[in-house]
């Protein structure tokens, strides 16, 4: 999984903005990324900063070093809430 896919998954599960170092650490802890370099936190920050400059980015900057997912449409929000509720029921 690449860094942006991992960031998307981490932010989706978190449901709130996170600092890029926390995103990278959670992705590492979950085994979502296997970095080749010595500074995966810096790589995550760089990839997110560059991606947010694109018009179709899934990410947005919410503060210095903090990122969140771009808000979804109302239909996507409802589908996401249903998925979250289904996951809670399955886990219970």
PDB file of N, CA and C in Angstrom:
ATOM      1  N   UNK A   1       0.854  -1.174   0.000  1.00  0.00           N
ATOM      2  CA  UNK A   1       0.000   0.000   0.000  1.00  0.00           C
ATOM      3  C   UNK A   1       0.898   1.234   0.000  1.00  0.00           C
ATOM      4  N   UNK A   2       0.532   2.221  -0.802  1.00  0.00           N
ATOM      5  CA  UNK A   2       1.348   3.435  -0.835  1.00  0.00           C
ATOM      6  C   UNK A   2       0.970   4.365   0.331  1.00  0.00           C
ATOM      7  N   UNK A   3       1.750   5.415   0.497  1.00  0.00           N
ATOM      8  CA  UNK A   3       1.562   6.318   1.634  1.00  0.00           C
ATOM      9  C   UNK A   3       0.195   6.996   1.630  1.00  0.00           C
ATOM     10  N   UNK A   4      -0.271   7.425   0.461  1.00  0.00           N
ATOM     11  CA  UNK A   4      -1.555   8.126   0.407  1.00  0.00           C
ATOM     12  C   UNK A   4      -2.724   7.181   0.696  1.00  0.00           C
ATOM     13  N   UNK A   5      -2.655   5.962   0.198  1.00  0.00           N
ATOM     14  CA  UNK A   5      -3.703   4.989   0.510  1.00  0.00           C
ATOM     15  C   UNK A   5      -3.730   4.693   2.008  1.00  0.00           C
ATOM     16  N   UNK A   6      -2.559   4.574   2.597  1.00  0.00           N
ATOM     17  CA  UNK A   6      -2.464   4.325   4.038  1.00  0.00           C
ATOM     18  C   UNK A   6      -3.010   5.525   4.819  1.00  0.00           C
ATOM     19  N   UNK A   7      -2.673   6.728   4.377  1.00  0.00           N
ATOM     20  CA  UNK A   7      -3.168   7.936   5.056  1.00  0.00           C
ATOM     21  C   UNK A   7      -4.678   8.000   4.982  1.00  0.00           C
ATOM     22  N   UNK A   8      -5.231   7.657   3.828  1.00  0.00           N
ATOM     23  CA  UNK A   8      -6.687   7.664   3.678  1.00  0.00           C
ATOM     24  C   UNK A   8      -7.327   6.704   4.677  1.00  0.00           C
ATOM     25  N   UNK A   9      -6.781   5.505   4.781  1.00  0.00           N
ATOM     26  CA  UNK A   9      -7.348   4.510   5.690  1.00  0.00           C
ATOM     27  C   UNK A   9      -7.237   4.956   7.148  1.00  0.00           C
ATOM     28  N   UNK A  10      -6.084   5.482   7.523  1.00  0.00           N
ATOM     29  CA  UNK A  10      -5.875   5.945   8.899  1.00  0.00           C
ATOM     30  C   UNK A  10      -6.838   7.086   9.234  1.00  0.00           C
ATOM     31  N   UNK A  11      -6.951   8.066   8.334  1.00  0.00           N
ATOM     32  CA  UNK A  11      -7.839   9.206   8.586  1.00  0.00           C
ATOM     33  C   UNK A  11      -9.309   8.797   8.582  1.00  0.00           C
ATOM     34  N   UNK A  12      -9.666   7.859   7.747  1.00  0.00           N
ATOM     35  CA  UNK A  12     -11.048   7.381   7.714  1.00  0.00           C
ATOM     36  C   UNK A  12     -11.408   6.722   9.046  1.00  0.00           C
ATOM     37  N   UNK A  13     -10.499   5.909   9.570  1.00  0.00           N
ATOM     38  CA  UNK A  13     -10.753   5.240  10.851  1.00  0.00           C
ATOM     39  C   UNK A  13     -10.739   6.229  12.010  1.00  0.00           C
ATOM     40  N   UNK A  14      -9.871   7.235  11.933  1.00  0.00           N
ATOM     41  CA  UNK A  14      -9.766   8.215  13.016  1.00  0.00           C
ATOM     42  C   UNK A  14     -10.990   9.117  13.068  1.00  0.00           C
ATOM     43  N   UNK A  15     -11.492   9.494  11.905  1.00  0.00           N
ATOM     44  CA  UNK A  15     -12.663  10.366  11.865  1.00  0.00           C
ATOM     45  C   UNK A  15     -12.395  11.790  12.298  1.00  0.00           C
ATOM     46  N   UNK A  16     -11.135  12.163  12.364  1.00  0.00           N
ATOM     47  CA  UNK A  16     -10.760  13.519  12.761  1.00  0.00           C
ATOM     48  C   UNK A  16      -9.400  13.853  12.158  1.00  0.00           C
ATOM     49  N   UNK A  17      -9.058  15.139  12.088  1.00  0.00           N
ATOM     50  CA  UNK A  17      -7.738  15.505  11.555  1.00  0.00           C
ATOM     51  C   UNK A  17      -6.622  14.959  12.443  1.00  0.00           C
ATOM     52  N   UNK A  18      -5.528  14.583  11.811  1.00  0.00           N
ATOM     53  CA  UNK A  18      -4.357  14.094  12.536  1.00  0.00           C
ATOM     54  C   UNK A  18      -3.105  14.751  11.973  1.00  0.00           C
ATOM     55  N   UNK A  19      -2.091  14.847  12.810  1.00  0.00           N
ATOM     56  CA  UNK A  19      -0.792  15.339  12.353  1.00  0.00           C
ATOM     57  C   UNK A  19      -0.156  14.257  11.497  1.00  0.00           C
ATOM     58  N   UNK A  20       0.614  14.673  10.502  1.00  0.00           N
ATOM     59  CA  UNK A  20       1.188  13.687   9.581  1.00  0.00           C
ATOM     60  C   UNK A  20       2.091  12.677  10.289  1.00  0.00           C
ATOM     61  N   UNK A  21       2.719  13.063  11.400  1.00  0.00           N
ATOM     62  CA  UNK A  21       3.545  12.095  12.137  1.00  0.00           C
ATOM     63  C   UNK A  21       2.674  11.017  12.776  1.00  0.00           C
ATOM     64  N   UNK A  22       1.499  11.402  13.260  1.00  0.00           N
ATOM     65  CA  UNK A  22       0.571  10.427  13.843  1.00  0.00           C
ATOM     66  C   UNK A  22       0.000   9.522  12.755  1.00  0.00           C
ATOM     67  N   UNK A  23      -0.266  10.083  11.591  1.00  0.00           N
ATOM     68  CA  UNK A  23      -0.769   9.277  10.472  1.00  0.00           C
ATOM     69  C   UNK A  23       0.273   8.230  10.096  1.00  0.00           C
ATOM     70  N   UNK A  24       1.518   8.673   9.960  1.00  0.00           N
ATOM     71  CA  UNK A  24       2.596   7.749   9.592  1.00  0.00           C
ATOM     72  C   UNK A  24       2.784   6.679  10.656  1.00  0.00           C
ATOM     73  N   UNK A  25       2.760   7.073  11.921  1.00  0.00           N
ATOM     74  CA  UNK A  25       2.973   6.102  13.002  1.00  0.00           C
ATOM     75  C   UNK A  25       1.860   5.063  13.039  1.00  0.00           C
ATOM     76  N   UNK A  26       0.621   5.504  12.883  1.00  0.00           N
ATOM     77  CA  UNK A  26      -0.491   4.556  12.882  1.00  0.00           C
ATOM     78  C   UNK A  26      -0.424   3.627  11.673  1.00  0.00           C
ATOM     79  N   UNK A  27      -0.006   4.167  10.537  1.00  0.00           N
ATOM     80  CA  UNK A  27       0.146   3.337   9.337  1.00  0.00           C
ATOM     81  C   UNK A  27       1.256   2.310   9.533  1.00  0.00           C
ATOM     82  N   UNK A  28       2.348   2.713  10.170  1.00  0.00           N
ATOM     83  CA  UNK A  28       3.433   1.778  10.465  1.00  0.00           C
ATOM     84  C   UNK A  28       2.980   0.706  11.447  1.00  0.00           C
ATOM     85  N   UNK A  29       2.310   1.140  12.507  1.00  0.00           N
ATOM     86  CA  UNK A  29       1.847   0.198  13.541  1.00  0.00           C
ATOM     87  C   UNK A  29       0.876  -0.833  12.974  1.00  0.00           C
ATOM     88  N   UNK A  30       0.052  -0.406  12.023  1.00  0.00           N
ATOM     89  CA  UNK A  30      -0.941  -1.301  11.424  1.00  0.00           C
ATOM     90  C   UNK A  30      -0.352  -2.126  10.277  1.00  0.00           C
ATOM     91  N   UNK A  31       0.903  -1.866   9.936  1.00  0.00           N
ATOM     92  CA  UNK A  31       1.538  -2.596   8.845  1.00  0.00           C
ATOM     93  C   UNK A  31       1.034  -2.199   7.470  1.00  0.00           C
ATOM     94  N   UNK A  32       0.496  -0.987   7.362  1.00  0.00           N
ATOM     95  CA  UNK A  32      -0.045  -0.523   6.087  1.00  0.00           C
ATOM     96  C   UNK A  32       1.046  -0.077   5.117  1.00  0.00           C
ATOM     97  N   UNK A  33       2.173   0.376   5.676  1.00  0.00           N
ATOM     98  CA  UNK A  33       3.283   0.818   4.836  1.00  0.00           C
ATOM     99  C   UNK A  33       4.559   0.112   5.285  1.00  0.00           C
ATOM    100  N   UNK A  34       5.426  -0.100   4.333  1.00  0.00           N
ATOM    101  CA  UNK A  34       6.759  -0.646   4.613  1.00  0.00           C
ATOM    102  C   UNK A  34       7.768   0.294   3.960  1.00  0.00           C
ATOM    103  N   UNK A  35       8.169   1.315   4.707  1.00  0.00           N
ATOM    104  CA  UNK A  35       9.043   2.338   4.132  1.00  0.00           C
ATOM    105  C   UNK A  35      10.425   1.787   3.796  1.00  0.00           C
ATOM    106  N   UNK A  36      10.991   2.358   2.759  1.00  0.00           N
ATOM    107  CA  UNK A  36      12.340   1.979   2.355  1.00  0.00           C
ATOM    108  C   UNK A  36      13.368   2.944   2.935  1.00  0.00           C
ATOM    109  N   UNK A  37      12.922   4.135   3.282  1.00  0.00           N
ATOM    110  CA  UNK A  37      13.823   5.149   3.822  1.00  0.00           C
ATOM    111  C   UNK A  37      13.799   5.180   5.342  1.00  0.00           C
ATOM    112  N   UNK A  38      14.627   6.051   5.888  1.00  0.00           N
ATOM    113  CA  UNK A  38      14.765   6.159   7.344  1.00  0.00           C
ATOM    114  C   UNK A  38      13.793   7.167   7.956  1.00  0.00           C
ATOM    115  N   UNK A  39      13.063   7.911   7.119  1.00  0.00           N
ATOM    116  CA  UNK A  39      12.184   8.958   7.647  1.00  0.00           C
ATOM    117  C   UNK A  39      10.771   8.827   7.074  1.00  0.00           C
ATOM    118  N   UNK A  40      10.052   7.779   7.454  1.00  0.00           N
ATOM    119  CA  UNK A  40       8.699   7.614   6.908  1.00  0.00           C
ATOM    120  C   UNK A  40       7.750   8.730   7.306  1.00  0.00           C
ATOM    121  N   UNK A  41       7.985   9.360   8.463  1.00  0.00           N
ATOM    122  CA  UNK A  41       7.116  10.457   8.885  1.00  0.00           C
ATOM    123  C   UNK A  41       7.259  11.646   7.939  1.00  0.00           C
ATOM    124  N   UNK A  42       8.491  11.940   7.558  1.00  0.00           N
ATOM    125  CA  UNK A  42       8.732  13.045   6.628  1.00  0.00           C
ATOM    126  C   UNK A  42       8.159  12.726   5.247  1.00  0.00           C
ATOM    127  N   UNK A  43       8.284  11.474   4.843  1.00  0.00           N
ATOM    128  CA  UNK A  43       7.729  11.069   3.545  1.00  0.00           C
ATOM    129  C   UNK A  43       6.222  11.235   3.540  1.00  0.00           C
ATOM    130  N   UNK A  44       5.572  10.823   4.631  1.00  0.00           N
ATOM    131  CA  UNK A  44       4.115  10.954   4.729  1.00  0.00           C
ATOM    132  C   UNK A  44       3.715  12.425   4.638  1.00  0.00           C
ATOM    133  N   UNK A  45       4.400  13.282   5.378  1.00  0.00           N
ATOM    134  CA  UNK A  45       4.093  14.710   5.331  1.00  0.00           C
ATOM    135  C   UNK A  45       4.266  15.284   3.936  1.00  0.00           C
ATOM    136  N   UNK A  46       5.354  14.911   3.286  1.00  0.00           N
ATOM    137  CA  UNK A  46       5.627  15.396   1.940  1.00  0.00           C
ATOM    138  C   UNK A  46       4.561  14.950   0.949  1.00  0.00           C
ATOM    139  N   UNK A  47       4.205  13.682   0.997  1.00  0.00           N
ATOM    140  CA  UNK A  47       3.200  13.163   0.062  1.00  0.00           C
ATOM    141  C   UNK A  47       1.852  13.851   0.268  1.00  0.00           C
ATOM    142  N   UNK A  48       1.483  14.057   1.538  1.00  0.00           N
ATOM    143  CA  UNK A  48       0.207  14.713   1.825  1.00  0.00           C
ATOM    144  C   UNK A  48       0.219  16.170   1.387  1.00  0.00           C
ATOM    145  N   UNK A  49       1.299  16.909   1.685  1.00  0.00           N
ATOM    146  CA  UNK A  49       1.387  18.311   1.278  1.00  0.00           C
ATOM    147  C   UNK A  49       1.271  18.449  -0.236  1.00  0.00           C
ATOM    148  N   UNK A  50       1.992  17.622  -0.974  1.00  0.00           N
ATOM    149  CA  UNK A  50       1.961  17.689  -2.434  1.00  0.00           C
ATOM    150  C   UNK A  50       0.566  17.332  -2.950  1.00  0.00           C
ATOM    151  N   UNK A  51      -0.047  16.302  -2.375  1.00  0.00           N
ATOM    152  CA  UNK A  51      -1.355  15.860  -2.844  1.00  0.00           C
ATOM    153  C   UNK A  51      -2.431  16.923  -2.621  1.00  0.00           C
ATOM    154  N   UNK A  52      -2.352  17.659  -1.525  1.00  0.00           N
ATOM    155  CA  UNK A  52      -3.383  18.665  -1.244  1.00  0.00           C
ATOM    156  C   UNK A  52      -3.364  19.814  -2.246  1.00  0.00           C
ATOM    157  N   UNK A  53      -2.330  19.922  -3.036  1.00  0.00           N
ATOM    158  CA  UNK A  53      -2.272  20.965  -4.061  1.00  0.00           C
ATOM    159  C   UNK A  53      -3.075  20.597  -5.302  1.00  0.00           C
ATOM    160  N   UNK A  54      -3.460  19.330  -5.412  1.00  0.00           N
ATOM    161  CA  UNK A  54      -4.247  18.869  -6.553  1.00  0.00           C
ATOM    162  C   UNK A  54      -5.716  19.203  -6.331  1.00  0.00           C
ATOM    163  N   UNK A  55      -6.425  19.507  -7.416  1.00  0.00           N
ATOM    164  CA  UNK A  55      -7.850  19.833  -7.315  1.00  0.00           C
ATOM    165  C   UNK A  55      -8.689  18.660  -6.838  1.00  0.00           C
ATOM    166  N   UNK A  56      -8.308  17.466  -7.220  1.00  0.00           N
ATOM    167  CA  UNK A  56      -9.103  16.281  -6.879  1.00  0.00           C
ATOM    168  C   UNK A  56      -8.566  15.525  -5.669  1.00  0.00           C
ATOM    169  N   UNK A  57      -7.796  16.200  -4.834  1.00  0.00           N
ATOM    170  CA  UNK A  57      -7.215  15.552  -3.658  1.00  0.00           C
ATOM    171  C   UNK A  57      -8.299  15.075  -2.695  1.00  0.00           C
ATOM    172  N   UNK A  58      -8.048  13.953  -2.077  1.00  0.00           N
ATOM    173  CA  UNK A  58      -8.945  13.420  -1.047  1.00  0.00           C
ATOM    174  C   UNK A  58      -8.634  14.016   0.319  1.00  0.00           C
ATOM    175  N   UNK A  59      -7.538  14.801   0.389  1.00  0.00           N
ATOM    176  CA  UNK A  59      -7.065  15.338   1.658  1.00  0.00           C
ATOM    177  C   UNK A  59      -7.133  16.858   1.666  1.00  0.00           C
ATOM    178  N   UNK A  60      -7.215  17.404   2.871  1.00  0.00           N
ATOM    179  CA  UNK A  60      -7.164  18.848   3.041  1.00  0.00           C
ATOM    180  C   UNK A  60      -6.297  19.166   4.250  1.00  0.00           C
ATOM    181  N   UNK A  61      -5.676  20.327   4.210  1.00  0.00           N
ATOM    182  CA  UNK A  61      -4.885  20.787   5.357  1.00  0.00           C
ATOM    183  C   UNK A  61      -5.830  21.445   6.348  1.00  0.00           C
ATOM    184  N   UNK A  62      -5.640  21.119   7.607  1.00  0.00           N
ATOM    185  CA  UNK A  62      -6.518  21.706   8.628  1.00  0.00           C
ATOM    186  C   UNK A  62      -5.741  22.504   9.665  1.00  0.00           C
ATOM    187  N   UNK A  63      -4.465  22.561   9.523  1.00  0.00           N
ATOM    188  CA  UNK A  63      -3.602  23.287  10.449  1.00  0.00           C
ATOM    189  C   UNK A  63      -2.167  22.924  10.130  1.00  0.00           C
ATOM    190  N   UNK A  64      -1.237  23.477  10.868  1.00  0.00           N
ATOM    191  CA  UNK A  64       0.173  23.226  10.590  1.00  0.00           C
ATOM    192  C   UNK A  64       0.502  21.753  10.824  1.00  0.00           C
ATOM    193  N   UNK A  65       0.706  21.039   9.742  1.00  0.00           N
ATOM    194  CA  UNK A  65       1.050  19.622   9.819  1.00  0.00           C
ATOM    195  C   UNK A  65      -0.140  18.697   9.981  1.00  0.00           C
ATOM    196  N   UNK A  66      -1.343  19.248  10.069  1.00  0.00           N
ATOM    197  CA  UNK A  66      -2.546  18.435  10.262  1.00  0.00           C
ATOM    198  C   UNK A  66      -3.310  18.274   8.955  1.00  0.00           C
ATOM    199  N   UNK A  67      -3.849  17.072   8.781  1.00  0.00           N
ATOM    200  CA  UNK A  67      -4.589  16.743   7.578  1.00  0.00           C
ATOM    201  C   UNK A  67      -5.879  16.024   7.930  1.00  0.00           C
ATOM    202  N   UNK A  68      -6.863  16.172   7.066  1.00  0.00           N
ATOM    203  CA  UNK A  68      -8.151  15.483   7.213  1.00  0.00           C
ATOM    204  C   UNK A  68      -8.613  15.078   5.829  1.00  0.00           C
ATOM    205  N   UNK A  69      -9.621  14.245   5.795  1.00  0.00           N
ATOM    206  CA  UNK A  69     -10.233  13.887   4.524  1.00  0.00           C
ATOM    207  C   UNK A  69     -11.142  15.020   4.082  1.00  0.00           C
ATOM    208  N   UNK A  70     -11.244  15.221   2.781  1.00  0.00           N
ATOM    209  CA  UNK A  70     -12.154  16.222   2.237  1.00  0.00           C
ATOM    210  C   UNK A  70     -13.571  15.781   2.581  1.00  0.00           C
ATOM    211  N   UNK A  71     -14.403  16.695   3.053  1.00  0.00           N
ATOM    212  CA  UNK A  71     -15.784  16.326   3.396  1.00  0.00           C
ATOM    213  C   UNK A  71     -16.505  15.677   2.219  1.00  0.00           C
ATOM    214  N   UNK A  72     -17.306  14.706   2.538  1.00  0.00           N
ATOM    215  CA  UNK A  72     -18.046  13.961   1.517  1.00  0.00           C
ATOM    216  C   UNK A  72     -19.391  14.617   1.243  1.00  0.00           C
ATOM    217  N   UNK A  73     -19.999  14.170   0.163  1.00  0.00           N
ATOM    218  CA  UNK A  73     -21.359  14.619  -0.128  1.00  0.00           C
ATOM    219  C   UNK A  73     -22.287  14.014   0.928  1.00  0.00           C
ATOM    220  N   UNK A  74     -23.483  14.504   1.017  1.00  0.00           N
ATOM    221  CA  UNK A  74     -24.450  14.005   2.008  1.00  0.00           C
ATOM    222  C   UNK A  74     -24.717  12.506   1.819  1.00  0.00           C
ATOM    223  N   UNK A  75     -24.845  12.061   0.579  1.00  0.00           N
ATOM    224  CA  UNK A  75     -25.094  10.639   0.311  1.00  0.00           C
ATOM    225  C   UNK A  75     -23.912   9.787   0.769  1.00  0.00           C
ATOM    226  N   UNK A  76     -22.697  10.278   0.525  1.00  0.00           N
ATOM    227  CA  UNK A  76     -21.514   9.541   0.959  1.00  0.00           C
ATOM    228  C   UNK A  76     -21.419   9.506   2.486  1.00  0.00           C
ATOM    229  N   UNK A  77     -21.826  10.602   3.149  1.00  0.00           N
ATOM    230  CA  UNK A  77     -21.804  10.639   4.604  1.00  0.00           C
ATOM    231  C   UNK A  77     -22.773   9.601   5.177  1.00  0.00           C
ATOM    232  N   UNK A  78     -23.951   9.511   4.610  1.00  0.00           N
ATOM    233  CA  UNK A  78     -24.945   8.546   5.095  1.00  0.00           C
ATOM    234  C   UNK A  78     -24.442   7.118   4.901  1.00  0.00           C
ATOM    235  N   UNK A  79     -23.876   6.841   3.735  1.00  0.00           N
ATOM    236  CA  UNK A  79     -23.329   5.510   3.464  1.00  0.00           C
ATOM    237  C   UNK A  79     -22.210   5.183   4.439  1.00  0.00           C
ATOM    238  N   UNK A  80     -21.370   6.147   4.719  1.00  0.00           N
ATOM    239  CA  UNK A  80     -20.268   5.954   5.656  1.00  0.00           C
ATOM    240  C   UNK A  80     -20.783   5.671   7.065  1.00  0.00           C
ATOM    241  N   UNK A  81     -21.815   6.398   7.489  1.00  0.00           N
ATOM    242  CA  UNK A  81     -22.392   6.177   8.813  1.00  0.00           C
ATOM    243  C   UNK A  81     -23.014   4.790   8.910  1.00  0.00           C
ATOM    244  N   UNK A  82     -23.670   4.346   7.860  1.00  0.00           N
ATOM    245  CA  UNK A  82     -24.256   3.002   7.839  1.00  0.00           C
ATOM    246  C   UNK A  82     -23.149   1.955   7.948  1.00  0.00           C
ATOM    247  N   UNK A  83     -22.070   2.152   7.211  1.00  0.00           N
ATOM    248  CA  UNK A  83     -20.940   1.229   7.271  1.00  0.00           C
ATOM    249  C   UNK A  83     -20.348   1.171   8.673  1.00  0.00           C
ATOM    250  N   UNK A  84     -20.198   2.338   9.314  1.00  0.00           N
ATOM    251  CA  UNK A  84     -19.656   2.380  10.676  1.00  0.00           C
ATOM    252  C   UNK A  84     -20.569   1.641  11.646  1.00  0.00           C
ATOM    253  N   UNK A  85     -21.894   1.848  11.538  1.00  0.00           N
ATOM    254  CA  UNK A  85     -22.825   1.173  12.406  1.00  0.00           C
ATOM    255  C   UNK A  85     -22.799  -0.338  12.179  1.00  0.00           C
ATOM    256  N   UNK A  86     -22.736  -0.757  10.927  1.00  0.00           N
ATOM    257  CA  UNK A  86     -22.653  -2.178  10.618  1.00  0.00           C
ATOM    258  C   UNK A  86     -21.386  -2.791  11.208  1.00  0.00           C
ATOM    259  N   UNK A  87     -20.275  -2.077  11.119  1.00  0.00           N
ATOM    260  CA  UNK A  87     -19.020  -2.579  11.696  1.00  0.00           C
ATOM    261  C   UNK A  87     -19.099  -2.706  13.207  1.00  0.00           C
ATOM    262  N   UNK A  88     -19.768  -1.758  13.876  1.00  0.00           N
ATOM    263  CA  UNK A  88     -19.942  -1.825  15.334  1.00  0.00           C
ATOM    264  C   UNK A  88     -20.791  -3.040  15.715  1.00  0.00           C
ATOM    265  N   UNK A  89     -21.841  -3.275  14.969  1.00  0.00           N
ATOM    266  CA  UNK A  89     -22.707  -4.430  15.241  1.00  0.00           C
ATOM    267  C   UNK A  89     -21.941  -5.725  15.040  1.00  0.00           C
ATOM    268  N   UNK A  90     -21.192  -5.810  13.964  1.00  0.00           N
ATOM    269  CA  UNK A  90     -20.411  -7.012  13.700  1.00  0.00           C
ATOM    270  C   UNK A  90     -19.388  -7.251  14.804  1.00  0.00           C
ATOM    271  N   UNK A  91     -18.711  -6.177  15.250  1.00  0.00           N
ATOM    272  CA  UNK A  91     -17.695  -6.309  16.305  1.00  0.00           C
ATOM    273  C   UNK A  91     -18.316  -6.674  17.643  1.00  0.00           C
ATOM    274  N   UNK A  92     -19.531  -6.177  17.911  1.00  0.00           N
ATOM    275  CA  UNK A  92     -20.210  -6.509  19.177  1.00  0.00           C
ATOM    276  C   UNK A  92     -20.706  -7.935  19.139  1.00  0.00           C
TER     277      UNK A  92
END
